[in-house]
Amino acid sequence: MEYHLKCTKCGEIYSSKYPYQECTKCGGLLEVMYEGKLPKLRKISSFWDFEPILPKGKYKHFEVGLTRTME
């Protein structure tokens, strides 16, 4: 999936190979801007259902459980 990165503050554009999540111009966060149509996802029950369309990279999966009180 082709994409580029765009600063949410100043609009600066970076290539998909840019290795950071911050704009070097203003320090704003970079948003992934996909080119073309995204593939349809069958079920969406958590954030990780979007993993097939996320930019290439190593993502750490955190298992989040229910909170319970200690007795």
N, C-alpha and C. Protein backbone atom coordinates (compact mmCIF):
# COMPACT_ATOMS: atom_id res chain seq x y z
N MET A 1 0.85 -1.17 0.00
CA MET A 1 0.00 0.00 0.00
C MET A 1 0.90 1.23 0.00
N GLU A 2 0.71 2.09 -0.96
CA GLU A 2 1.49 3.33 -1.08
C GLU A 2 0.94 4.39 -0.13
N TYR A 3 1.84 5.13 0.49
CA TYR A 3 1.43 6.21 1.39
C TYR A 3 2.54 7.23 1.53
N HIS A 4 2.21 8.38 2.07
CA HIS A 4 3.20 9.38 2.46
C HIS A 4 2.79 9.90 3.84
N LEU A 5 3.64 10.69 4.44
CA LEU A 5 3.38 11.23 5.77
C LEU A 5 3.17 12.73 5.66
N LYS A 6 2.19 13.23 6.41
CA LYS A 6 1.86 14.66 6.36
C LYS A 6 1.78 15.20 7.78
N CYS A 7 2.43 16.33 8.01
CA CYS A 7 2.41 16.95 9.33
C CYS A 7 1.02 17.52 9.61
N THR A 8 0.50 17.23 10.80
CA THR A 8 -0.83 17.70 11.17
C THR A 8 -0.84 19.18 11.54
N LYS A 9 0.35 19.77 11.77
CA LYS A 9 0.43 21.19 12.13
C LYS A 9 0.68 22.08 10.92
N CYS A 10 1.78 21.80 10.20
CA CYS A 10 2.20 22.72 9.13
C CYS A 10 1.94 22.18 7.73
N GLY A 11 1.58 20.90 7.59
CA GLY A 11 1.28 20.34 6.29
C GLY A 11 2.49 19.85 5.50
N GLU A 12 3.68 19.89 6.10
CA GLU A 12 4.89 19.38 5.43
C GLU A 12 4.68 17.92 5.05
N ILE A 13 5.16 17.53 3.87
CA ILE A 13 5.00 16.17 3.34
C ILE A 13 6.34 15.44 3.42
N TYR A 14 6.31 14.19 3.86
CA TYR A 14 7.50 13.34 3.94
C TYR A 14 7.22 12.04 3.20
N SER A 15 8.27 11.41 2.71
CA SER A 15 8.11 10.13 2.02
C SER A 15 7.81 9.04 3.03
N SER A 16 7.35 7.91 2.55
CA SER A 16 7.03 6.78 3.43
C SER A 16 8.29 6.21 4.08
N LYS A 17 9.45 6.56 3.58
CA LYS A 17 10.71 6.06 4.14
C LYS A 17 11.22 6.94 5.29
N TYR A 18 10.57 8.06 5.55
CA TYR A 18 10.97 8.95 6.64
C TYR A 18 10.86 8.18 7.96
N PRO A 19 11.95 8.09 8.74
CA PRO A 19 11.96 7.18 9.90
C PRO A 19 11.40 7.73 11.21
N TYR A 20 10.88 8.93 11.23
CA TYR A 20 10.42 9.53 12.49
C TYR A 20 8.91 9.77 12.48
N GLN A 21 8.36 10.07 13.65
CA GLN A 21 6.94 10.33 13.79
C GLN A 21 6.66 11.81 14.02
N GLU A 22 7.72 12.62 14.00
CA GLU A 22 7.58 14.07 14.22
C GLU A 22 8.11 14.83 13.02
N CYS A 23 7.51 15.97 12.76
CA CYS A 23 7.95 16.87 11.69
C CYS A 23 9.24 17.57 12.12
N THR A 24 10.24 17.58 11.26
CA THR A 24 11.49 18.27 11.60
C THR A 24 11.35 19.78 11.47
N LYS A 25 10.33 20.22 10.76
CA LYS A 25 10.12 21.66 10.55
C LYS A 25 9.46 22.32 11.77
N CYS A 26 8.39 21.71 12.31
CA CYS A 26 7.65 22.36 13.40
C CYS A 26 7.44 21.48 14.63
N GLY A 27 7.81 20.19 14.56
CA GLY A 27 7.63 19.30 15.70
C GLY A 27 6.26 18.67 15.79
N GLY A 28 5.40 18.92 14.78
CA GLY A 28 4.06 18.34 14.78
C GLY A 28 4.08 16.84 14.52
N LEU A 29 2.97 16.19 14.81
CA LEU A 29 2.84 14.75 14.56
C LEU A 29 2.57 14.49 13.09
N LEU A 30 3.07 13.36 12.59
CA LEU A 30 2.86 12.99 11.19
C LEU A 30 1.71 12.01 11.06
N GLU A 31 0.85 12.27 10.09
CA GLU A 31 -0.30 11.42 9.81
C GLU A 31 -0.02 10.63 8.54
N VAL A 32 -0.41 9.36 8.53
CA VAL A 32 -0.25 8.52 7.34
C VAL A 32 -1.35 8.86 6.36
N MET A 33 -0.97 9.20 5.14
CA MET A 33 -1.92 9.54 4.08
C MET A 33 -1.80 8.46 2.99
N TYR A 34 -2.79 7.60 2.91
CA TYR A 34 -2.77 6.52 1.93
C TYR A 34 -3.14 7.04 0.55
N GLU A 35 -2.54 6.42 -0.45
CA GLU A 35 -2.83 6.76 -1.84
C GLU A 35 -3.64 5.62 -2.44
N GLY A 36 -4.81 5.92 -2.91
CA GLY A 36 -5.69 4.89 -3.46
C GLY A 36 -6.68 4.41 -2.41
N LYS A 37 -7.40 3.34 -2.74
CA LYS A 37 -8.41 2.80 -1.84
C LYS A 37 -7.80 1.82 -0.85
N LEU A 38 -8.30 1.87 0.37
CA LEU A 38 -7.87 0.91 1.39
C LEU A 38 -8.62 -0.40 1.19
N PRO A 39 -7.97 -1.52 1.49
CA PRO A 39 -8.69 -2.79 1.39
C PRO A 39 -9.78 -2.87 2.45
N LYS A 40 -10.83 -3.60 2.16
CA LYS A 40 -11.91 -3.77 3.12
C LYS A 40 -11.48 -4.74 4.21
N LEU A 41 -11.83 -4.40 5.44
CA LEU A 41 -11.53 -5.27 6.57
C LEU A 41 -12.81 -6.01 6.94
N ARG A 42 -12.69 -7.30 7.20
CA ARG A 42 -13.88 -8.11 7.48
C ARG A 42 -14.48 -7.81 8.85
N LYS A 43 -13.67 -7.87 9.87
CA LYS A 43 -14.19 -7.60 11.21
C LYS A 43 -13.31 -6.57 11.88
N ILE A 44 -13.90 -5.73 12.66
CA ILE A 44 -13.14 -4.74 13.40
C ILE A 44 -13.58 -4.81 14.85
N SER A 45 -12.75 -5.49 15.65
CA SER A 45 -13.07 -5.60 17.07
C SER A 45 -11.99 -4.99 17.95
N SER A 46 -10.83 -4.67 17.33
CA SER A 46 -9.76 -4.02 18.09
C SER A 46 -8.87 -3.25 17.13
N PHE A 47 -7.97 -2.48 17.69
CA PHE A 47 -7.02 -1.71 16.89
C PHE A 47 -6.23 -2.62 15.96
N TRP A 48 -5.87 -3.82 16.43
CA TRP A 48 -4.99 -4.70 15.66
C TRP A 48 -5.67 -5.29 14.43
N ASP A 49 -6.95 -5.15 14.29
CA ASP A 49 -7.61 -5.57 13.06
C ASP A 49 -7.19 -4.68 11.89
N PHE A 50 -6.64 -3.50 12.20
CA PHE A 50 -6.15 -2.58 11.17
C PHE A 50 -4.69 -2.86 10.78
N GLU A 51 -4.04 -3.79 11.44
CA GLU A 51 -2.61 -4.05 11.20
C GLU A 51 -2.27 -4.31 9.73
N PRO A 52 -3.10 -5.02 8.95
CA PRO A 52 -2.74 -5.25 7.55
C PRO A 52 -2.59 -3.96 6.73
N ILE A 53 -3.22 -2.86 7.16
CA ILE A 53 -3.11 -1.63 6.38
C ILE A 53 -2.22 -0.59 7.04
N LEU A 54 -1.60 -0.94 8.18
CA LEU A 54 -0.66 -0.01 8.83
C LEU A 54 0.64 0.05 8.03
N PRO A 55 1.37 1.15 8.12
CA PRO A 55 2.67 1.22 7.44
C PRO A 55 3.59 0.10 7.92
N LYS A 56 4.51 -0.30 7.07
CA LYS A 56 5.46 -1.36 7.43
C LYS A 56 6.24 -0.94 8.66
N GLY A 57 6.48 -1.88 9.53
CA GLY A 57 7.23 -1.59 10.75
C GLY A 57 7.03 -2.69 11.77
N LYS A 58 7.73 -2.56 12.88
CA LYS A 58 7.59 -3.52 13.97
C LYS A 58 6.64 -2.92 14.99
N TYR A 59 5.56 -3.61 15.23
CA TYR A 59 4.56 -3.15 16.18
C TYR A 59 4.54 -4.11 17.36
N LYS A 60 4.57 -3.55 18.55
CA LYS A 60 4.53 -4.37 19.75
C LYS A 60 3.08 -4.55 20.17
N HIS A 61 2.67 -5.79 20.36
CA HIS A 61 1.31 -6.10 20.79
C HIS A 61 1.28 -6.15 22.31
N PHE A 62 0.42 -5.36 22.90
CA PHE A 62 0.22 -5.40 24.33
C PHE A 62 -1.12 -6.06 24.61
N GLU A 63 -1.10 -7.04 25.46
CA GLU A 63 -2.33 -7.71 25.85
C GLU A 63 -2.92 -6.92 27.02
N VAL A 64 -4.08 -6.39 26.82
CA VAL A 64 -4.73 -5.61 27.87
C VAL A 64 -5.86 -6.43 28.45
N GLY A 65 -5.79 -6.62 29.75
CA GLY A 65 -6.81 -7.44 30.40
C GLY A 65 -7.82 -6.58 31.14
N LEU A 66 -8.72 -7.26 31.81
CA LEU A 66 -9.73 -6.57 32.60
C LEU A 66 -9.11 -6.13 33.93
N THR A 67 -9.60 -5.05 34.46
CA THR A 67 -9.14 -4.58 35.76
C THR A 67 -9.99 -5.22 36.83
N ARG A 68 -9.36 -5.71 37.84
CA ARG A 68 -10.13 -6.29 38.95
C ARG A 68 -9.53 -5.84 40.26
N THR A 69 -10.32 -5.85 41.30
CA THR A 69 -9.86 -5.40 42.60
C THR A 69 -9.26 -6.58 43.36
N MET A 70 -8.30 -6.25 44.19
CA MET A 70 -7.67 -7.27 45.04
C MET A 70 -8.46 -7.35 46.34
N GLU A 71 -8.72 -8.54 46.82
CA GLU A 71 -9.46 -8.70 48.08
C GLU A 71 -8.56 -9.22 49.15
